């Protein structure tokens, strides 16, 4: 990659990040549904500078969504999306028939080096898909070896061929030429407690996801360069606090077309206690919670042991059985 290309990428990334920090124009499809409604509420709550347009066929949308000066409701069609450009689209609707028309409204700014580069702009389109979309086409051997992921109701029954329909929509988006992110949640359950979103790849995740957590992941993906050109599953691990942000888990994922690397390590790193999710910040004898609260100063990664740590290590050695 040439130095001029590198410079262009960095300048484009800085511009996009500046726009995201100062509020953006978001379009949400399916904004009156279980997930879409939560996405709309969070977008308006987390950054009052955001403008949100909901494209919907629901005639009761104005009574479902709380009035907000930054919220606009328009008909669900490509002309409405054209009127909203430039924007970021979070596609939560189960209707994917118009997705090709929607992608056509975005500029095709995906040179091949965007995929190879570590610097990409945030996604133009975030697609809400589903875990399990590849499993109907698994080989008999893979189905048998991963029965816990393949022999489950949604895959066995595949009502209305929904999994194949969603997978075809994913493929069309990947080939569209726009920057994208594809989020595949496991089973949606309204009463499932909130917790820590766990991100994985390979389409083997099974479980449940809290709808608020899912909405947070969709929004984070829309603003994260590290989510670009990536497809991943999400589920909620209850009993764990959510991370401060999803930068690290998203960065650990691989772009589509590449083989997931050290996925076991990436998953286990998401199970660390606390909100920082960074074991390198711990000193011996300190806790994750102390780092989160600011009670103790976080250790710099790669720093030499402190005198306090050395003294503690010596005391442990002295107590060791002879």
C-alpha atoms as a PDB file:
ATOM      1  CA  UNK A   1       0.000   0.000   0.000  1.00  0.00           C
ATOM      2  CA  UNK A   2       1.411   3.387  -1.006  1.00  0.00           C
ATOM      3  CA  UNK A   3       2.041   6.203   1.432  1.00  0.00           C
ATOM      4  CA  UNK A   4      -0.534   8.389  -0.353  1.00  0.00           C
ATOM      5  CA  UNK A   5      -3.159   5.653   0.029  1.00  0.00           C
ATOM      6  CA  UNK A   6      -2.303   5.334   3.722  1.00  0.00           C
ATOM      7  CA  UNK A   7      -2.661   9.088   4.177  1.00  0.00           C
ATOM      8  CA  UNK A   8      -6.028   9.103   2.390  1.00  0.00           C
ATOM      9  CA  UNK A   9      -7.304   6.292   4.611  1.00  0.00           C
ATOM     10  CA  UNK A  10      -6.228   8.050   7.785  1.00  0.00           C
ATOM     11  CA  UNK A  11      -7.759  11.373   6.761  1.00  0.00           C
ATOM     12  CA  UNK A  12     -11.024   9.683   5.796  1.00  0.00           C
ATOM     13  CA  UNK A  13     -11.097   7.818   9.089  1.00  0.00           C
ATOM     14  CA  UNK A  14     -10.465  11.019  11.091  1.00  0.00           C
ATOM     15  CA  UNK A  15     -13.272  12.782   9.214  1.00  0.00           C
ATOM     16  CA  UNK A  16     -15.768  10.000   9.842  1.00  0.00           C
ATOM     17  CA  UNK A  17     -14.845   9.701  13.523  1.00  0.00           C
ATOM     18  CA  UNK A  18     -15.230  13.487  13.931  1.00  0.00           C
ATOM     19  CA  UNK A  19     -18.704  13.300  12.425  1.00  0.00           C
ATOM     20  CA  UNK A  20     -19.669  10.413  14.710  1.00  0.00           C
ATOM     21  CA  UNK A  21     -18.452  12.284  17.791  1.00  0.00           C
ATOM     22  CA  UNK A  22     -20.631  15.285  16.942  1.00  0.00           C
ATOM     23  CA  UNK A  23     -23.788  13.398  16.078  1.00  0.00           C
ATOM     24  CA  UNK A  24     -24.820  11.689  12.881  1.00  0.00           C
ATOM     25  CA  UNK A  25     -27.830  11.114  10.740  1.00  0.00           C
ATOM     26  CA  UNK A  26     -29.107   7.581  11.337  1.00  0.00           C
ATOM     27  CA  UNK A  27     -31.839   5.740   9.490  1.00  0.00           C
ATOM     28  CA  UNK A  28     -33.482   2.771  11.212  1.00  0.00           C
ATOM     29  CA  UNK A  29     -35.744   0.291   9.462  1.00  0.00           C
ATOM     30  CA  UNK A  30     -38.048  -1.805  11.601  1.00  0.00           C
ATOM     31  CA  UNK A  31     -37.981   1.038  14.112  1.00  0.00           C
ATOM     32  CA  UNK A  32     -41.301   0.042  15.686  1.00  0.00           C
ATOM     33  CA  UNK A  33     -40.247  -3.572  16.240  1.00  0.00           C
ATOM     34  CA  UNK A  34     -38.781  -5.216  19.333  1.00  0.00           C
ATOM     35  CA  UNK A  35     -35.168  -4.430  18.471  1.00  0.00           C
ATOM     36  CA  UNK A  36     -35.568  -1.394  16.236  1.00  0.00           C
ATOM     37  CA  UNK A  37     -37.544   0.539  18.825  1.00  0.00           C
ATOM     38  CA  UNK A  38     -34.759   0.082  21.351  1.00  0.00           C
ATOM     39  CA  UNK A  39     -32.170   1.153  18.781  1.00  0.00           C
ATOM     40  CA  UNK A  40     -34.092   4.378  18.110  1.00  0.00           C
ATOM     41  CA  UNK A  41     -34.459   5.161  21.817  1.00  0.00           C
ATOM     42  CA  UNK A  42     -30.773   4.559  22.536  1.00  0.00           C
ATOM     43  CA  UNK A  43     -29.574   6.612  19.546  1.00  0.00           C
ATOM     44  CA  UNK A  44     -31.556   9.625  20.724  1.00  0.00           C
ATOM     45  CA  UNK A  45     -30.692   9.164  24.395  1.00  0.00           C
ATOM     46  CA  UNK A  46     -26.951   8.497  24.112  1.00  0.00           C
ATOM     47  CA  UNK A  47     -26.212  11.438  21.829  1.00  0.00           C
ATOM     48  CA  UNK A  48     -28.869  14.191  21.638  1.00  0.00           C
ATOM     49  CA  UNK A  49     -27.055  15.531  18.550  1.00  0.00           C
ATOM     50  CA  UNK A  50     -28.018  12.423  16.575  1.00  0.00           C
ATOM     51  CA  UNK A  51     -30.804  12.727  14.036  1.00  0.00           C
ATOM     52  CA  UNK A  52     -32.871   9.565  13.550  1.00  0.00           C
ATOM     53  CA  UNK A  53     -35.251   8.728  10.729  1.00  0.00           C
ATOM     54  CA  UNK A  54     -37.440   5.636  10.969  1.00  0.00           C
ATOM     55  CA  UNK A  55     -38.549   4.032   7.709  1.00  0.00           C
ATOM     56  CA  UNK A  56     -41.660   1.974   8.407  1.00  0.00           C
ATOM     57  CA  UNK A  57     -44.856   0.524   6.995  1.00  0.00           C
ATOM     58  CA  UNK A  58     -46.489   0.600  10.444  1.00  0.00           C
ATOM     59  CA  UNK A  59     -49.410   3.080  10.389  1.00  0.00           C
ATOM     60  CA  UNK A  60     -49.212   3.354  14.191  1.00  0.00           C
ATOM     61  CA  UNK A  61     -45.556   4.402  14.275  1.00  0.00           C
ATOM     62  CA  UNK A  62     -46.280   7.874  15.633  1.00  0.00           C
ATOM     63  CA  UNK A  63     -48.106   6.414  18.622  1.00  0.00           C
ATOM     64  CA  UNK A  64     -45.450   3.755  19.288  1.00  0.00           C
ATOM     65  CA  UNK A  65     -42.380   5.998  19.175  1.00  0.00           C
ATOM     66  CA  UNK A  66     -42.054   8.833  21.679  1.00  0.00           C
ATOM     67  CA  UNK A  67     -42.054  12.306  20.069  1.00  0.00           C
ATOM     68  CA  UNK A  68     -38.603  13.840  19.691  1.00  0.00           C
ATOM     69  CA  UNK A  69     -37.485  16.895  17.696  1.00  0.00           C
ATOM     70  CA  UNK A  70     -34.622  14.791  16.307  1.00  0.00           C
ATOM     71  CA  UNK A  71     -36.920  11.941  15.200  1.00  0.00           C
ATOM     72  CA  UNK A  72     -38.554  11.738  11.766  1.00  0.00           C
ATOM     73  CA  UNK A  73     -40.862   9.008  10.481  1.00  0.00           C
ATOM     74  CA  UNK A  74     -41.040   8.267   6.754  1.00  0.00           C
ATOM     75  CA  UNK A  75     -42.439   5.573   4.446  1.00  0.00           C
ATOM     76  CA  UNK A  76     -40.408   2.397   4.041  1.00  0.00           C
ATOM     77  CA  UNK A  77     -38.923   2.828   0.552  1.00  0.00           C
ATOM     78  CA  UNK A  78     -35.664   3.690  -1.166  1.00  0.00           C
ATOM     79  CA  UNK A  79     -36.786   7.227  -2.061  1.00  0.00           C
ATOM     80  CA  UNK A  80     -37.132   8.012   1.645  1.00  0.00           C
ATOM     81  CA  UNK A  81     -33.590   6.752   2.201  1.00  0.00           C
ATOM     82  CA  UNK A  82     -32.248   8.866  -0.652  1.00  0.00           C
ATOM     83  CA  UNK A  83     -33.744  11.943   1.025  1.00  0.00           C
ATOM     84  CA  UNK A  84     -31.838  11.083   4.220  1.00  0.00           C
ATOM     85  CA  UNK A  85     -28.386  10.808   2.674  1.00  0.00           C
ATOM     86  CA  UNK A  86     -25.698  11.077   3.907  1.00  0.00           C
ATOM     87  CA  UNK A  87     -26.623   8.695   6.691  1.00  0.00           C
ATOM     88  CA  UNK A  88     -25.861   5.433   8.451  1.00  0.00           C
ATOM     89  CA  UNK A  89     -28.486   2.719   8.007  1.00  0.00           C
ATOM     90  CA  UNK A  90     -29.276   0.236  10.789  1.00  0.00           C
ATOM     91  CA  UNK A  91     -31.502  -2.323   9.088  1.00  0.00           C
ATOM     92  CA  UNK A  92     -33.634  -4.025  11.751  1.00  0.00           C
ATOM     93  CA  UNK A  93     -36.570  -4.921   9.525  1.00  0.00           C
ATOM     94  CA  UNK A  94     -37.285  -8.563   8.670  1.00  0.00           C
ATOM     95  CA  UNK A  95     -38.150  -7.363   5.171  1.00  0.00           C
ATOM     96  CA  UNK A  96     -34.920  -7.616   3.190  1.00  0.00           C
ATOM     97  CA  UNK A  97     -36.443  -7.390  -0.296  1.00  0.00           C
ATOM     98  CA  UNK A  98     -35.594  -3.685  -0.545  1.00  0.00           C
ATOM     99  CA  UNK A  99     -32.034  -4.127   0.719  1.00  0.00           C
ATOM    100  CA  UNK A 100     -30.517  -4.041  -2.809  1.00  0.00           C
ATOM    101  CA  UNK A 101     -32.337  -0.747  -3.479  1.00  0.00           C
ATOM    102  CA  UNK A 102     -31.155   0.609  -0.136  1.00  0.00           C
ATOM    103  CA  UNK A 103     -27.515  -0.280  -0.810  1.00  0.00           C
ATOM    104  CA  UNK A 104     -27.748   1.447  -4.207  1.00  0.00           C
ATOM    105  CA  UNK A 105     -28.290   4.787  -2.423  1.00  0.00           C
ATOM    106  CA  UNK A 106     -24.832   4.638  -0.811  1.00  0.00           C
ATOM    107  CA  UNK A 107     -21.604   5.502  -2.604  1.00  0.00           C
ATOM    108  CA  UNK A 108     -19.482   2.526  -3.599  1.00  0.00           C
ATOM    109  CA  UNK A 109     -16.347   3.561  -1.727  1.00  0.00           C
ATOM    110  CA  UNK A 110     -14.945   0.105  -1.093  1.00  0.00           C
ATOM    111  CA  UNK A 111     -11.636  -0.179  -2.925  1.00  0.00           C
ATOM    112  CA  UNK A 112      -9.984  -3.551  -2.367  1.00  0.00           C
ATOM    113  CA  UNK A 113      -7.405  -1.997  -0.082  1.00  0.00           C
ATOM    114  CA  UNK A 114     -10.118  -1.099   2.442  1.00  0.00           C
ATOM    115  CA  UNK A 115     -10.510  -4.793   3.178  1.00  0.00           C
ATOM    116  CA  UNK A 116      -6.761  -5.313   3.483  1.00  0.00           C
ATOM    117  CA  UNK A 117      -6.156  -2.192   5.546  1.00  0.00           C
ATOM    118  CA  UNK A 118      -6.498  -2.060   9.307  1.00  0.00           C
ATOM    119  CA  UNK A 119      -8.017   1.427   8.843  1.00  0.00           C
ATOM    120  CA  UNK A 120     -11.577   1.407   7.527  1.00  0.00           C
ATOM    121  CA  UNK A 121     -14.438   3.875   7.925  1.00  0.00           C
ATOM    122  CA  UNK A 122     -17.366   2.796  10.106  1.00  0.00           C
ATOM    123  CA  UNK A 123     -20.074   0.790   8.325  1.00  0.00           C
ATOM    124  CA  UNK A 124     -22.562   2.593   6.122  1.00  0.00           C
ATOM    125  CA  UNK A 125     -25.046  -0.234   6.740  1.00  0.00           C
ATOM    126  CA  UNK A 126     -25.450  -2.409   9.826  1.00  0.00           C
ATOM    127  CA  UNK A 127     -27.637  -5.419   9.074  1.00  0.00           C
ATOM    128  CA  UNK A 128     -29.517  -7.238  11.813  1.00  0.00           C
ATOM    129  CA  UNK A 129     -29.419 -10.868  10.703  1.00  0.00           C
ATOM    130  CA  UNK A 130     -29.617 -14.054  12.783  1.00  0.00           C
ATOM    131  CA  UNK A 131     -27.368 -16.708  14.215  1.00  0.00           C
ATOM    132  CA  UNK A 132     -27.838 -20.008  12.418  1.00  0.00           C
ATOM    133  CA  UNK A 133     -28.161 -18.682   8.873  1.00  0.00           C
ATOM    134  CA  UNK A 134     -25.384 -20.922   7.537  1.00  0.00           C
ATOM    135  CA  UNK A 135     -26.400 -24.076   9.416  1.00  0.00           C
ATOM    136  CA  UNK A 136     -29.092 -25.407   7.020  1.00  0.00           C
ATOM    137  CA  UNK A 137     -26.335 -25.796   4.428  1.00  0.00           C
ATOM    138  CA  UNK A 138     -23.772 -27.459   6.712  1.00  0.00           C
ATOM    139  CA  UNK A 139     -22.430 -30.818   5.643  1.00  0.00           C
ATOM    140  CA  UNK A 140     -23.698 -33.940   7.379  1.00  0.00           C
ATOM    141  CA  UNK A 141     -20.330 -34.344   9.085  1.00  0.00           C
ATOM    142  CA  UNK A 142     -20.316 -30.778  10.429  1.00  0.00           C
ATOM    143  CA  UNK A 143     -23.950 -31.063  11.502  1.00  0.00           C
ATOM    144  CA  UNK A 144     -23.190 -34.212  13.479  1.00  0.00           C
ATOM    145  CA  UNK A 145     -19.994 -32.891  15.047  1.00  0.00           C
ATOM    146  CA  UNK A 146     -21.670 -29.620  16.084  1.00  0.00           C
ATOM    147  CA  UNK A 147     -25.082 -31.035  16.927  1.00  0.00           C
ATOM    148  CA  UNK A 148     -25.537 -28.584  19.798  1.00  0.00           C
ATOM    149  CA  UNK A 149     -25.547 -25.753  17.257  1.00  0.00           C
ATOM    150  CA  UNK A 150     -27.254 -27.538  14.343  1.00  0.00           C
ATOM    151  CA  UNK A 151     -29.930 -29.703  15.957  1.00  0.00           C
ATOM    152  CA  UNK A 152     -31.911 -26.842  17.483  1.00  0.00           C
ATOM    153  CA  UNK A 153     -35.526 -25.809  16.725  1.00  0.00           C
ATOM    154  CA  UNK A 154     -34.878 -22.743  14.564  1.00  0.00           C
ATOM    155  CA  UNK A 155     -32.494 -24.724  12.345  1.00  0.00           C
ATOM    156  CA  UNK A 156     -34.559 -27.917  12.233  1.00  0.00           C
ATOM    157  CA  UNK A 157     -37.779 -26.092  11.333  1.00  0.00           C
ATOM    158  CA  UNK A 158     -36.434 -22.996   9.555  1.00  0.00           C
ATOM    159  CA  UNK A 159     -39.948 -21.464   9.432  1.00  0.00           C
ATOM    160  CA  UNK A 160     -40.699 -19.692   6.179  1.00  0.00           C
ATOM    161  CA  UNK A 161     -37.150 -20.455   5.037  1.00  0.00           C
ATOM    162  CA  UNK A 162     -36.160 -17.454   7.162  1.00  0.00           C
ATOM    163  CA  UNK A 163     -32.550 -18.516   7.727  1.00  0.00           C
ATOM    164  CA  UNK A 164     -31.833 -18.944   4.016  1.00  0.00           C
ATOM    165  CA  UNK A 165     -33.567 -15.636   3.265  1.00  0.00           C
ATOM    166  CA  UNK A 166     -31.412 -13.810   5.811  1.00  0.00           C
ATOM    167  CA  UNK A 167     -28.240 -15.486   4.541  1.00  0.00           C
ATOM    168  CA  UNK A 168     -29.010 -14.393   0.960  1.00  0.00           C
ATOM    169  CA  UNK A 169     -29.514 -10.843   2.247  1.00  0.00           C
ATOM    170  CA  UNK A 170     -26.099 -11.008   3.927  1.00  0.00           C
ATOM    171  CA  UNK A 171     -24.494 -12.136   0.677  1.00  0.00           C
ATOM    172  CA  UNK A 172     -26.118  -9.326  -1.307  1.00  0.00           C
ATOM    173  CA  UNK A 173     -24.848  -6.798   1.215  1.00  0.00           C
ATOM    174  CA  UNK A 174     -21.299  -8.197   1.092  1.00  0.00           C
ATOM    175  CA  UNK A 175     -21.289  -7.888  -2.698  1.00  0.00           C
ATOM    176  CA  UNK A 176     -22.928  -4.454  -2.784  1.00  0.00           C
ATOM    177  CA  UNK A 177     -19.744  -2.417  -2.581  1.00  0.00           C
ATOM    178  CA  UNK A 178     -20.690  -0.448   0.556  1.00  0.00           C
ATOM    179  CA  UNK A 179     -19.056  -0.603   3.958  1.00  0.00           C
ATOM    180  CA  UNK A 180     -21.106  -2.917   6.183  1.00  0.00           C
ATOM    181  CA  UNK A 181     -21.352  -4.847   9.417  1.00  0.00           C
ATOM    182  CA  UNK A 182     -23.577  -7.905   9.921  1.00  0.00           C
ATOM    183  CA  UNK A 183     -24.796  -8.723  13.429  1.00  0.00           C
ATOM    184  CA  UNK A 184     -26.226 -12.191  14.102  1.00  0.00           C
ATOM    185  CA  UNK A 185     -28.037 -12.447  17.455  1.00  0.00           C
ATOM    186  CA  UNK A 186     -28.940 -15.755  19.071  1.00  0.00           C
ATOM    187  CA  UNK A 187     -32.470 -16.228  20.469  1.00  0.00           C
ATOM    188  CA  UNK A 188     -34.237 -12.971  21.359  1.00  0.00           C
ATOM    189  CA  UNK A 189     -36.000 -13.012  24.710  1.00  0.00           C
ATOM    190  CA  UNK A 190     -37.685  -9.959  26.221  1.00  0.00           C
ATOM    191  CA  UNK A 191     -37.234 -11.151  29.809  1.00  0.00           C
ATOM    192  CA  UNK A 192     -33.615 -12.297  29.498  1.00  0.00           C
ATOM    193  CA  UNK A 193     -31.528 -10.200  31.939  1.00  0.00           C
ATOM    194  CA  UNK A 194     -29.062  -7.670  30.659  1.00  0.00           C
ATOM    195  CA  UNK A 195     -25.399  -8.501  31.008  1.00  0.00           C
ATOM    196  CA  UNK A 196     -22.260  -8.636  28.899  1.00  0.00           C
ATOM    197  CA  UNK A 197     -22.577  -9.007  25.122  1.00  0.00           C
ATOM    198  CA  UNK A 198     -20.294 -11.814  23.925  1.00  0.00           C
ATOM    199  CA  UNK A 199     -19.178 -11.613  20.293  1.00  0.00           C
ATOM    200  CA  UNK A 200     -18.090 -14.639  18.292  1.00  0.00           C
ATOM    201  CA  UNK A 201     -17.695 -15.838  14.720  1.00  0.00           C
ATOM    202  CA  UNK A 202     -18.099 -19.126  12.772  1.00  0.00           C
ATOM    203  CA  UNK A 203     -21.905 -19.236  13.343  1.00  0.00           C
ATOM    204  CA  UNK A 204     -21.860 -21.736  16.199  1.00  0.00           C
ATOM    205  CA  UNK A 205     -23.316 -19.548  18.961  1.00  0.00           C
ATOM    206  CA  UNK A 206     -26.437 -20.771  20.773  1.00  0.00           C
ATOM    207  CA  UNK A 207     -28.276 -19.138  23.667  1.00  0.00           C
ATOM    208  CA  UNK A 208     -30.157 -15.941  24.377  1.00  0.00           C
ATOM    209  CA  UNK A 209     -29.555 -12.244  24.012  1.00  0.00           C
ATOM    210  CA  UNK A 210     -31.059  -9.347  25.912  1.00  0.00           C
ATOM    211  CA  UNK A 211     -32.725  -6.894  23.524  1.00  0.00           C
ATOM    212  CA  UNK A 212     -31.155  -3.826  25.149  1.00  0.00           C
ATOM    213  CA  UNK A 213     -27.725  -5.415  24.829  1.00  0.00           C
ATOM    214  CA  UNK A 214     -28.389  -6.234  21.181  1.00  0.00           C
ATOM    215  CA  UNK A 215     -29.428  -2.649  20.465  1.00  0.00           C
ATOM    216  CA  UNK A 216     -26.200  -1.424  22.075  1.00  0.00           C
ATOM    217  CA  UNK A 217     -24.134  -3.752  19.881  1.00  0.00           C
ATOM    218  CA  UNK A 218     -25.906  -2.561  16.710  1.00  0.00           C
ATOM    219  CA  UNK A 219     -25.267   1.078  17.601  1.00  0.00           C
ATOM    220  CA  UNK A 220     -21.658   0.431  18.594  1.00  0.00           C
ATOM    221  CA  UNK A 221     -21.079  -1.359  15.292  1.00  0.00           C
ATOM    222  CA  UNK A 222     -22.502   1.591  13.352  1.00  0.00           C
ATOM    223  CA  UNK A 223     -19.884   3.867  14.906  1.00  0.00           C
ATOM    224  CA  UNK A 224     -16.879   1.528  14.942  1.00  0.00           C
ATOM    225  CA  UNK A 225     -14.283   1.272  12.171  1.00  0.00           C
ATOM    226  CA  UNK A 226     -13.327  -2.098  13.708  1.00  0.00           C
ATOM    227  CA  UNK A 227     -16.804  -3.443  12.828  1.00  0.00           C
ATOM    228  CA  UNK A 228     -16.421  -2.786   9.105  1.00  0.00           C
ATOM    229  CA  UNK A 229     -16.591  -5.803   6.768  1.00  0.00           C
ATOM    230  CA  UNK A 230     -17.227  -8.139   9.697  1.00  0.00           C
ATOM    231  CA  UNK A 231     -19.960 -10.674  10.436  1.00  0.00           C
ATOM    232  CA  UNK A 232     -20.389 -11.915  13.987  1.00  0.00           C
ATOM    233  CA  UNK A 233     -22.784 -13.494  16.459  1.00  0.00           C
ATOM    234  CA  UNK A 234     -23.849 -11.924  19.753  1.00  0.00           C
ATOM    235  CA  UNK A 235     -25.309 -13.370  22.946  1.00  0.00           C
ATOM    236  CA  UNK A 236     -25.724 -12.051  26.497  1.00  0.00           C
ATOM    237  CA  UNK A 237     -23.752 -13.457  29.406  1.00  0.00           C
ATOM    238  CA  UNK A 238     -25.800 -12.629  32.492  1.00  0.00           C
ATOM    239  CA  UNK A 239     -24.151 -11.893  35.814  1.00  0.00           C
ATOM    240  CA  UNK A 240     -21.313  -9.954  34.164  1.00  0.00           C
ATOM    241  CA  UNK A 241     -21.307  -6.156  33.808  1.00  0.00           C
ATOM    242  CA  UNK A 242     -21.185  -4.797  30.259  1.00  0.00           C
ATOM    243  CA  UNK A 243     -17.802  -3.465  29.113  1.00  0.00           C
ATOM    244  CA  UNK A 244     -17.147   0.257  29.019  1.00  0.00           C
ATOM    245  CA  UNK A 245     -17.218  -0.024  25.232  1.00  0.00           C
ATOM    246  CA  UNK A 246     -17.004  -2.726  22.565  1.00  0.00           C
ATOM    247  CA  UNK A 247     -13.834  -1.509  20.871  1.00  0.00           C
ATOM    248  CA  UNK A 248     -11.668  -4.400  22.047  1.00  0.00           C
ATOM    249  CA  UNK A 249     -14.123  -7.250  21.264  1.00  0.00           C
ATOM    250  CA  UNK A 250     -14.841  -5.777  17.820  1.00  0.00           C
ATOM    251  CA  UNK A 251     -11.153  -5.332  17.095  1.00  0.00           C
ATOM    252  CA  UNK A 252     -10.551  -8.995  17.927  1.00  0.00           C
ATOM    253  CA  UNK A 253     -12.929 -10.141  15.172  1.00  0.00           C
ATOM    254  CA  UNK A 254     -11.679 -10.840  11.648  1.00  0.00           C
ATOM    255  CA  UNK A 255     -12.989  -9.375   8.423  1.00  0.00           C
ATOM    256  CA  UNK A 256     -15.148 -11.517   6.165  1.00  0.00           C
ATOM    257  CA  UNK A 257     -13.171 -13.824   3.928  1.00  0.00           C
ATOM    258  CA  UNK A 258     -10.493 -14.410   6.550  1.00  0.00           C
ATOM    259  CA  UNK A 259     -10.218 -17.341   8.895  1.00  0.00           C
ATOM    260  CA  UNK A 260     -10.986 -16.467  12.548  1.00  0.00           C
ATOM    261  CA  UNK A 261      -7.763 -16.397  14.562  1.00  0.00           C
ATOM    262  CA  UNK A 262      -7.365 -17.570  18.138  1.00  0.00           C
ATOM    263  CA  UNK A 263     -11.126 -17.446  18.628  1.00  0.00           C
ATOM    264  CA  UNK A 264     -10.895 -19.272  21.951  1.00  0.00           C
ATOM    265  CA  UNK A 265      -8.587 -16.531  23.240  1.00  0.00           C
ATOM    266  CA  UNK A 266     -10.875 -13.768  21.940  1.00  0.00           C
ATOM    267  CA  UNK A 267     -13.891 -15.339  23.654  1.00  0.00           C
ATOM    268  CA  UNK A 268     -12.122 -15.901  26.960  1.00  0.00           C
ATOM    269  CA  UNK A 269     -10.863 -12.313  27.022  1.00  0.00           C
ATOM    270  CA  UNK A 270     -14.509 -11.203  26.984  1.00  0.00           C
ATOM    271  CA  UNK A 271     -15.116 -13.223  30.166  1.00  0.00           C
ATOM    272  CA  UNK A 272     -12.712 -11.199  32.299  1.00  0.00           C
ATOM    273  CA  UNK A 273     -14.291  -9.662  35.416  1.00  0.00           C
ATOM    274  CA  UNK A 274     -14.916  -5.926  35.582  1.00  0.00           C
ATOM    275  CA  UNK A 275     -15.680  -3.391  32.886  1.00  0.00           C
ATOM    276  CA  UNK A 276     -12.209  -2.563  31.571  1.00  0.00           C
ATOM    277  CA  UNK A 277     -11.681  -6.158  30.399  1.00  0.00           C
ATOM    278  CA  UNK A 278      -7.912  -5.736  30.346  1.00  0.00           C
ATOM    279  CA  UNK A 279      -5.818  -7.972  32.594  1.00  0.00           C
ATOM    280  CA  UNK A 280      -2.641  -6.066  31.669  1.00  0.00           C
ATOM    281  CA  UNK A 281      -3.873  -3.151  33.814  1.00  0.00           C
ATOM    282  CA  UNK A 282      -3.770  -5.198  37.023  1.00  0.00           C
ATOM    283  CA  UNK A 283      -1.004  -5.083  39.581  1.00  0.00           C
ATOM    284  CA  UNK A 284      -0.493  -8.073  41.846  1.00  0.00           C
ATOM    285  CA  UNK A 285      -2.915  -7.932  44.746  1.00  0.00           C
ATOM    286  CA  UNK A 286      -5.248  -5.493  43.027  1.00  0.00           C
ATOM    287  CA  UNK A 287      -8.717  -6.352  41.726  1.00  0.00           C
ATOM    288  CA  UNK A 288     -10.496  -5.642  38.440  1.00  0.00           C
ATOM    289  CA  UNK A 289     -13.142  -3.739  40.388  1.00  0.00           C
ATOM    290  CA  UNK A 290     -10.511  -1.452  41.950  1.00  0.00           C
ATOM    291  CA  UNK A 291      -9.247  -0.579  38.478  1.00  0.00           C
ATOM    292  CA  UNK A 292     -12.794   0.046  37.205  1.00  0.00           C
ATOM    293  CA  UNK A 293     -13.608   2.404  40.075  1.00  0.00           C
ATOM    294  CA  UNK A 294     -10.335   4.309  39.803  1.00  0.00           C
ATOM    295  CA  UNK A 295      -9.436   3.330  43.355  1.00  0.00           C
ATOM    296  CA  UNK A 296      -6.047   2.193  42.110  1.00  0.00           C
ATOM    297  CA  UNK A 297      -4.050   3.457  39.174  1.00  0.00           C
ATOM    298  CA  UNK A 298      -4.177   1.161  36.173  1.00  0.00           C
ATOM    299  CA  UNK A 299      -0.862  -0.451  35.301  1.00  0.00           C
ATOM    300  CA  UNK A 300       0.710   0.504  31.972  1.00  0.00           C
ATOM    301  CA  UNK A 301       0.926  -2.461  29.622  1.00  0.00           C
ATOM    302  CA  UNK A 302       4.479  -3.830  29.502  1.00  0.00           C
ATOM    303  CA  UNK A 303       5.609  -1.872  32.585  1.00  0.00           C
ATOM    304  CA  UNK A 304       8.128  -3.356  34.983  1.00  0.00           C
ATOM    305  CA  UNK A 305       6.804  -4.709  38.314  1.00  0.00           C
ATOM    306  CA  UNK A 306       6.433  -2.016  40.957  1.00  0.00           C
ATOM    307  CA  UNK A 307       8.265  -2.158  44.272  1.00  0.00           C
ATOM    308  CA  UNK A 308       4.967  -2.955  45.986  1.00  0.00           C
ATOM    309  CA  UNK A 309       4.450  -5.920  43.645  1.00  0.00           C
ATOM    310  CA  UNK A 310       7.983  -7.180  44.223  1.00  0.00           C
ATOM    311  CA  UNK A 311       7.502  -6.977  47.990  1.00  0.00           C
ATOM    312  CA  UNK A 312       4.206  -8.861  47.723  1.00  0.00           C
ATOM    313  CA  UNK A 313       5.832 -11.531  45.558  1.00  0.00           C
ATOM    314  CA  UNK A 314       8.607 -11.958  48.149  1.00  0.00           C
ATOM    315  CA  UNK A 315       6.055 -12.349  50.925  1.00  0.00           C
ATOM    316  CA  UNK A 316       4.280 -15.050  48.937  1.00  0.00           C
ATOM    317  CA  UNK A 317       7.590 -16.862  48.431  1.00  0.00           C
ATOM    318  CA  UNK A 318       8.300 -16.699  52.170  1.00  0.00           C
ATOM    319  CA  UNK A 319       4.932 -18.197  52.993  1.00  0.00           C
ATOM    320  CA  UNK A 320       5.348 -21.030  50.506  1.00  0.00           C
ATOM    321  CA  UNK A 321       5.607 -24.491  52.134  1.00  0.00           C
ATOM    322  CA  UNK A 322       9.133 -25.887  52.421  1.00  0.00           C
END
